[in-house]
Amino acid sequence: MTKVLDRKQFLQLATVFEGGLVILAYGLGWLVDIDPLETLHFSSNAVAMGLLGTIPLLLFFAFSYRLQVPQLEHIKRMLIETLGPYLSACRWYELIYVAFLAGFCEEVLFRGVLQPWMETLWGWWPALLVSNILFGLAHSVTVLYTVLAMLTGMYLGWMLDAAGERNLLVPMLVHGLYDFVAFYMVVVMYRSGQNSAGDGDSR
């Protein structure tokens, strides 16, 4: 894949796009009288739950990575081809930035506003389901990827209350840490493919 953006432009686009979700969250929050960051506060318990809560997602990621399922292989190739050129150009701290930018901004919208708003309308379970159908559709690349994103979102929505009290910090940490590992793996696989292609060309 030919890169359309350089590293700086990619980071700027990520910042503008993800930042736009925060603006959307505050706009929607104003309409429905919800402060998007009302439940965000630091606690050692929330940090611990965020770290521990990342483990199941990473285990599933490792498991799915090893599965020889055509639909999963298609998703993997697609991520490598579309994100690989850009993520591989980033420095390690820029990968952290992009990962936690997504974790913060997306959680502000989906777990900071949409889920609590829908809870006031329908209760916890319907809100968890509907808000994460939207989360899945927002990540709609393939049908399977949409379903996986929806299930991941439901897990993040459940983690919102996992620290004993509602704390947006928990799903933010889980989301950001998971994205960082996923981005790092995309970089590794992309560079491995580039090296293999280079070795083939040199023969």
Foldseek 3Di string as FASTA:
>chain_A
DDDPDAQVVVLVVLLVVLVVLQVVLVVLCVVLVFDLQPQADDDPLLVVLLVVLLVVVVVVVVVLVPDPDVVSVVVLVVCLVPCQVRLLNDDLVSLLVSLLSNLVSVLSRLVSHQLVSVCVVPRRPVSLQVSLLVQLVVVPDDPVSSVVSSVVSSSLNVQCCVSVHGHSSRSSSSRSVNSSVVSVVSNVVNVVVVVVVVVVVVD
